[in-house]
Structure formats: structure tokens, C-alpha cells
Amino acid sequence: MKKILSIFFITVATTLFSQSSLSIKYNYEYNWKNAPNYTIPSLLKMGDDKSLFIIDHSKNGFNDDELEANNIIQVKLKNNFVAYYKDYNKDSIYYDNTIIFKHFPTKDPIQIFKWELTKQTKTILGFNCQRAVMRHYGRTYHAFFTTELGFTHGGPWKFDGLPGVILEVYSLDNEFKITATEIQLKNEDITIDNPYKETKKFIDFKEYQRLYQKNYKESNKTEIDTEGNTSVRSVSKCQIECLVD
């Protein structure tokens, strides 16, 4: 009996950890103050050493009239999505930042988060997950990751650096949440292309933050028209990260 159980365990382990590609669908939720809540579908594709996370902003559920009524500025994106490409061999993430309508291709290290593991666990889509906590640019985040998918890294958006794949992450202020809704494991190689491979110039996040703060100071002002009416122009201090103290 012991020998049979041992063979069964080896077979299961081999099947589980020989997977070479992973696809996860997420719901990417915004719950910002003084703005309508909305959810955007997103997708993570992972191979052994690369991943691509895509947020499809064309499916945010708003039409142009609703965006204008709620003072939401929708930046026109190439192909209507934002992509976060990670190369784990180079510890590099490539993505596109924006300020108003201007684009700033950005490259940074993947390993930037300082997670603290906790003992809390829960099950997400049938996989056992452990909770981790960290603070990043003005927000505290809780994440649940699993080691049962055969990958020792991976997650949506920039989130990464845990010993497994992140299936859920949310900010403690409840303004932001990403939750896995569907997982597919395949025992086959996939090609993940870098959507920024033709981009010649990148900035890092520190430079982007400096540019954002400059725009914040220039844009946040009180204006008085010729009839004495007062209006306030404003740019948010926070997106997912809080960029202005």
C-alpha cells in the first residue's frame, strides 16, 4: 500500500508541476471616492520566464456621456488596453503610464514589494491561498497567493514577489481590488511577446512620479472667470499608487 501511495503522489506532483503555461482571468475593480464604481475584465498569461497582464479598458461599462457626466477622463489607448509585460530573467517590468493624454513608457524592476507573510488562508477557485501584506506608495495591500499552480512567482498588474501566484489583491481602503475568476493550466509552451519591444526610450517610476507631481501642481488651481464665478481644476493624488504626498 505504501508503495502504491508513493507512486500516486509522484504522478500527481509531476502532472502539477510540469505545467508550462498559465492563463488567469481577473476582475479589476475600482471603488474610488466621488466617482462611480466599475469593474474591468483583465487577463494574465504566464510562461516559465515571462508574463503579460492585460486590462481591457474598452469594457469598463461606461459610454461617453456617462464618462463626461462623472468627470472621468478616458485616455485613448492603443488597442484599448493597458499591458504589463514581465521578464523574470531580467527582473524587469514594462508598462505604459499616462499623464492626462500623454504616454510615458516605463521600465522598472519586478522585485519592488516588501511582503510580510501571515498565517491566514482561504480557498480561491479551489486553490489553497495564503495571505501576505505590504505597504506601497501610500496604500496597504492584502494579497492571497497559491503555491499549487506550479509557479513560484506571478500576479496581476505590477504585483509580484511572492512564492506563488497572486489570485487576489486589494487595498485596505477598499478603493482597489483584483480577483481571479477563472484559471487554466496547460502542459504546453506558449510564446509571450513583449508589446513594448519597438519602444526605444523608457523612464523609471521615480521619473514618472516627478512628472506627475509637476503636473499636479500646475493643474490643481482655483480659477475665476470674467463673471466672478469660481471653479477648481484638480488632478487626483492617487491612482493605484499615491503619487503626491
Protein backbone atom coordinates (compact mmCIF):
# COMPACT_ATOMS: atom_id res chain seq x y z
CA MET A 1 0.00 0.00 0.00
CA LYS A 2 2.77 2.45 0.88
CA LYS A 3 4.44 1.84 -2.49
CA ILE A 4 1.18 2.46 -4.37
CA LEU A 5 0.57 5.71 -2.50
CA SER A 6 4.11 6.86 -3.18
CA ILE A 7 3.75 6.21 -6.92
CA PHE A 8 0.41 8.04 -6.95
CA PHE A 9 1.93 11.05 -5.20
CA ILE A 10 4.83 11.22 -7.63
CA THR A 11 2.43 11.04 -10.59
CA VAL A 12 0.24 13.84 -9.23
CA ALA A 13 3.23 16.02 -8.36
CA THR A 14 4.73 15.53 -11.82
CA THR A 15 1.45 16.43 -13.51
CA LEU A 16 1.00 19.52 -11.34
CA PHE A 17 4.49 20.96 -11.63
CA SER A 18 5.16 20.12 -15.27
CA GLN A 19 2.62 22.73 -16.38
CA SER A 20 4.39 25.27 -18.57
CA SER A 21 1.67 27.84 -19.21
CA LEU A 22 -0.99 29.53 -17.14
CA SER A 23 -3.93 31.77 -18.01
CA ILE A 24 -5.94 33.61 -15.35
CA LYS A 25 -8.93 35.90 -15.84
CA TYR A 26 -9.44 38.59 -13.21
CA ASN A 27 -11.99 41.24 -12.35
CA TYR A 28 -10.18 44.55 -11.92
CA GLU A 29 -12.36 46.74 -9.66
CA TYR A 30 -12.23 50.47 -8.95
CA ASN A 31 -14.15 51.92 -5.99
CA TRP A 32 -12.80 55.46 -5.96
CA LYS A 33 -14.36 58.13 -3.78
CA ASN A 34 -16.59 60.69 -5.52
CA ALA A 35 -16.71 58.57 -8.67
CA PRO A 36 -18.86 55.66 -9.87
CA ASN A 37 -17.59 52.15 -9.17
CA TYR A 38 -16.74 49.97 -12.13
CA THR A 39 -15.14 46.63 -12.98
CA ILE A 40 -12.89 45.86 -15.94
CA PRO A 41 -12.03 42.35 -17.19
CA SER A 42 -8.33 41.56 -17.30
CA LEU A 43 -6.15 38.61 -18.24
CA LEU A 44 -2.79 37.23 -17.07
CA LYS A 45 -0.79 34.91 -19.33
CA MET A 46 2.30 33.24 -17.88
CA GLY A 47 5.07 31.08 -19.25
CA ASP A 48 8.16 29.82 -17.45
CA ASP A 49 10.03 33.14 -17.53
CA LYS A 50 7.64 35.78 -18.93
CA SER A 51 4.13 37.06 -18.30
CA LEU A 52 1.67 39.55 -19.77
CA PHE A 53 -1.19 41.19 -17.88
CA ILE A 54 -3.80 42.98 -20.00
CA ILE A 55 -6.52 45.34 -18.74
CA ASP A 56 -9.25 45.83 -21.34
CA HIS A 57 -10.43 49.39 -20.73
CA SER A 58 -12.82 49.23 -23.68
CA LYS A 59 -15.08 47.11 -21.45
CA ASN A 60 -15.38 49.48 -18.48
CA GLY A 61 -19.16 49.64 -18.89
CA PHE A 62 -19.40 53.41 -19.45
CA ASN A 63 -20.48 55.26 -22.56
CA ASP A 64 -19.05 58.68 -23.45
CA ASP A 65 -21.98 60.58 -21.90
CA GLU A 66 -21.58 58.78 -18.58
CA LEU A 67 -17.84 59.43 -18.54
CA GLU A 68 -18.40 63.14 -19.15
CA ALA A 69 -21.19 63.37 -16.55
CA ASN A 70 -18.93 61.86 -13.89
CA ASN A 71 -15.83 63.86 -14.88
CA ILE A 72 -13.95 60.71 -15.84
CA ILE A 73 -11.17 61.25 -18.35
CA GLN A 74 -10.69 58.21 -20.56
CA VAL A 75 -7.25 58.18 -22.10
CA LYS A 76 -7.26 56.85 -25.65
CA LEU A 77 -5.15 53.71 -25.52
CA LYS A 78 -3.53 51.71 -28.26
CA ASN A 79 -5.84 48.76 -28.95
CA ASN A 80 -7.98 49.90 -25.98
CA PHE A 81 -5.92 48.03 -23.39
CA VAL A 82 -3.05 48.55 -20.97
CA ALA A 83 -0.35 45.87 -20.88
CA TYR A 84 2.14 44.96 -18.15
CA TYR A 85 4.93 42.75 -19.51
CA LYS A 86 7.31 40.98 -17.12
CA ASP A 87 10.64 39.36 -17.99
CA TYR A 88 11.68 37.36 -14.93
CA ASN A 89 15.13 36.54 -16.27
CA LYS A 90 15.87 40.28 -16.42
CA ASP A 91 13.84 41.23 -13.31
CA SER A 92 12.11 43.83 -15.50
CA ILE A 93 8.54 45.01 -15.98
CA TYR A 94 7.49 47.16 -18.94
CA TYR A 95 4.26 49.17 -18.99
CA ASP A 96 2.68 52.42 -20.14
CA ASN A 97 2.00 55.27 -17.72
CA THR A 98 -0.08 58.30 -18.66
CA ILE A 99 -0.46 61.89 -17.51
CA ILE A 100 -3.66 63.38 -18.92
CA PHE A 101 -3.32 62.37 -22.59
CA LYS A 102 0.42 61.86 -22.79
CA HIS A 103 2.06 58.43 -22.65
CA PHE A 104 5.25 57.55 -20.75
CA PRO A 105 6.60 54.03 -21.41
CA THR A 106 8.10 52.83 -18.13
CA LYS A 107 10.56 50.10 -17.16
CA ASP A 108 11.22 49.01 -13.57
CA PRO A 109 12.41 46.02 -11.53
CA ILE A 110 9.76 43.41 -10.72
CA GLN A 111 11.02 42.82 -7.20
CA ILE A 112 9.96 46.07 -5.53
CA PHE A 113 7.39 44.90 -2.97
CA LYS A 114 8.27 44.06 0.63
CA TRP A 115 5.69 41.47 1.61
CA GLU A 116 5.03 40.14 5.10
CA LEU A 117 3.53 36.65 5.14
CA THR A 118 0.69 35.86 7.57
CA LYS A 119 -0.90 32.61 8.71
CA GLN A 120 -4.32 33.47 7.32
CA THR A 121 -5.52 31.26 4.47
CA LYS A 122 -8.55 30.87 2.24
CA THR A 123 -9.61 28.96 -0.86
CA ILE A 124 -9.94 30.75 -4.21
CA LEU A 125 -11.28 28.80 -7.21
CA GLY A 126 -10.37 25.56 -5.45
CA PHE A 127 -6.76 26.50 -4.66
CA ASN A 128 -5.41 26.98 -1.15
CA CYS A 129 -4.07 30.51 -0.71
CA GLN A 130 -2.03 32.30 1.96
CA ARG A 131 -2.33 35.98 2.83
CA ALA A 132 0.53 38.48 2.53
CA VAL A 133 0.56 42.17 3.47
CA MET A 134 2.65 45.13 2.33
CA ARG A 135 2.58 48.92 2.02
CA HIS A 136 3.34 50.60 -1.29
CA TYR A 137 3.12 54.29 -2.20
CA GLY A 138 0.53 55.35 0.34
CA ARG A 139 -1.65 52.24 0.41
CA THR A 140 -1.67 48.99 2.37
CA TYR A 141 -2.37 45.90 0.27
CA HIS A 142 -3.51 42.41 1.21
CA ALA A 143 -2.83 39.62 -1.27
CA PHE A 144 -3.72 35.93 -1.39
CA PHE A 145 -1.32 33.71 -3.32
CA THR A 146 -1.17 30.00 -4.06
CA THR A 147 1.77 27.62 -4.45
CA GLU A 148 -0.44 24.97 -6.09
CA LEU A 149 -0.14 26.16 -9.69
CA GLY A 150 3.47 25.16 -10.33
CA PHE A 151 4.82 28.72 -10.46
CA THR A 152 6.97 30.43 -7.82
CA HIS A 153 6.08 33.96 -8.92
CA GLY A 154 3.41 35.86 -10.82
CA GLY A 155 0.46 38.15 -10.33
CA PRO A 156 -1.74 40.81 -11.88
CA TRP A 157 -0.66 44.40 -12.54
CA LYS A 158 2.80 45.04 -11.02
CA PHE A 159 2.04 42.80 -8.05
CA ASP A 160 4.62 40.01 -7.70
CA GLY A 161 7.44 38.78 -5.49
CA LEU A 162 5.58 36.10 -3.50
CA PRO A 163 6.46 32.35 -3.60
CA GLY A 164 3.41 31.59 -5.72
CA VAL A 165 0.78 33.16 -7.97
CA ILE A 166 -1.37 36.01 -6.63
CA LEU A 167 -5.08 35.25 -7.14
CA GLU A 168 -6.49 38.18 -5.17
CA VAL A 169 -5.16 41.55 -4.04
CA TYR A 170 -6.94 44.58 -2.62
CA SER A 171 -6.16 47.86 -0.93
CA LEU A 172 -7.12 48.22 2.72
CA ASP A 173 -9.08 51.41 1.91
CA ASN A 174 -11.32 49.28 -0.40
CA GLU A 175 -10.73 51.56 -3.40
CA PHE A 176 -9.00 48.91 -5.47
CA LYS A 177 -9.33 45.13 -5.88
CA ILE A 178 -8.26 42.42 -8.34
CA THR A 179 -9.84 38.97 -8.04
CA ALA A 180 -9.27 35.83 -10.13
CA THR A 181 -12.42 34.49 -11.79
CA GLU A 182 -11.06 31.67 -13.98
CA ILE A 183 -7.81 29.66 -14.13
CA GLN A 184 -6.46 27.49 -16.95
CA LEU A 185 -3.30 25.39 -16.69
CA LYS A 186 -1.82 23.87 -19.83
CA ASN A 187 1.09 21.50 -20.29
CA GLU A 188 2.38 23.31 -23.35
CA ASP A 189 4.78 26.12 -24.15
CA ILE A 190 3.35 29.48 -25.12
CA THR A 191 5.00 32.49 -26.71
CA ILE A 192 4.53 35.76 -24.82
CA ASP A 193 5.63 38.72 -26.91
CA ASN A 194 6.79 41.99 -25.44
CA PRO A 195 4.30 44.66 -26.68
CA TYR A 196 6.97 47.30 -25.98
CA LYS A 197 9.79 45.69 -27.98
CA GLU A 198 9.72 48.51 -30.55
CA THR A 199 9.84 51.22 -27.87
CA LYS A 200 13.22 52.94 -27.86
CA LYS A 201 13.02 55.05 -24.71
CA PHE A 202 11.74 54.25 -21.21
CA ILE A 203 11.63 56.18 -17.97
CA ASP A 204 11.59 54.66 -14.49
CA PHE A 205 8.80 55.08 -11.96
CA LYS A 206 10.66 57.74 -9.96
CA GLU A 207 10.85 59.93 -13.05
CA TYR A 208 7.16 59.33 -13.77
CA GLN A 209 6.30 60.33 -10.21
CA ARG A 210 8.32 63.54 -10.59
CA LEU A 211 6.47 64.41 -13.81
CA TYR A 212 3.11 63.59 -12.23
CA GLN A 213 3.80 65.80 -9.22
CA LYS A 214 4.81 68.65 -11.53
CA ASN A 215 1.55 68.28 -13.46
CA TYR A 216 -0.39 68.09 -10.18
CA LYS A 217 0.99 71.43 -9.01
CA GLU A 218 0.27 73.05 -12.36
CA SER A 219 -3.23 71.62 -12.73
CA ASN A 220 -4.67 71.96 -9.23
CA LYS A 221 -5.70 75.58 -9.06
CA THR A 222 -8.68 77.84 -8.49
CA GLU A 223 -9.82 79.91 -11.46
CA ILE A 224 -12.20 82.90 -11.59
CA ASP A 225 -13.92 83.75 -14.86
CA THR A 226 -14.90 87.20 -16.12
CA GLU A 227 -18.26 86.97 -14.35
CA GLY A 228 -16.69 86.22 -10.98
CA ASN A 229 -17.59 82.53 -10.96
CA THR A 230 -15.06 80.29 -9.21
CA SER A 231 -14.05 76.87 -10.45
CA VAL A 232 -11.45 74.42 -9.18
CA ARG A 233 -9.32 72.34 -11.51
CA SER A 234 -7.98 69.20 -9.91
CA VAL A 235 -5.94 66.11 -10.61
CA SER A 236 -6.11 63.14 -8.24
CA LYS A 237 -3.22 62.50 -5.85
CA CYS A 238 -3.73 58.76 -6.14
CA GLN A 239 -4.26 56.23 -8.87
CA ILE A 240 -3.42 52.71 -7.71
CA GLU A 241 -0.33 54.29 -6.19
CA CYS A 242 -0.50 57.61 -4.35
CA LEU A 243 1.88 59.79 -6.32
CA VAL A 244 1.51 63.03 -4.35
CA ASP A 245 2.09 63.31 -0.60
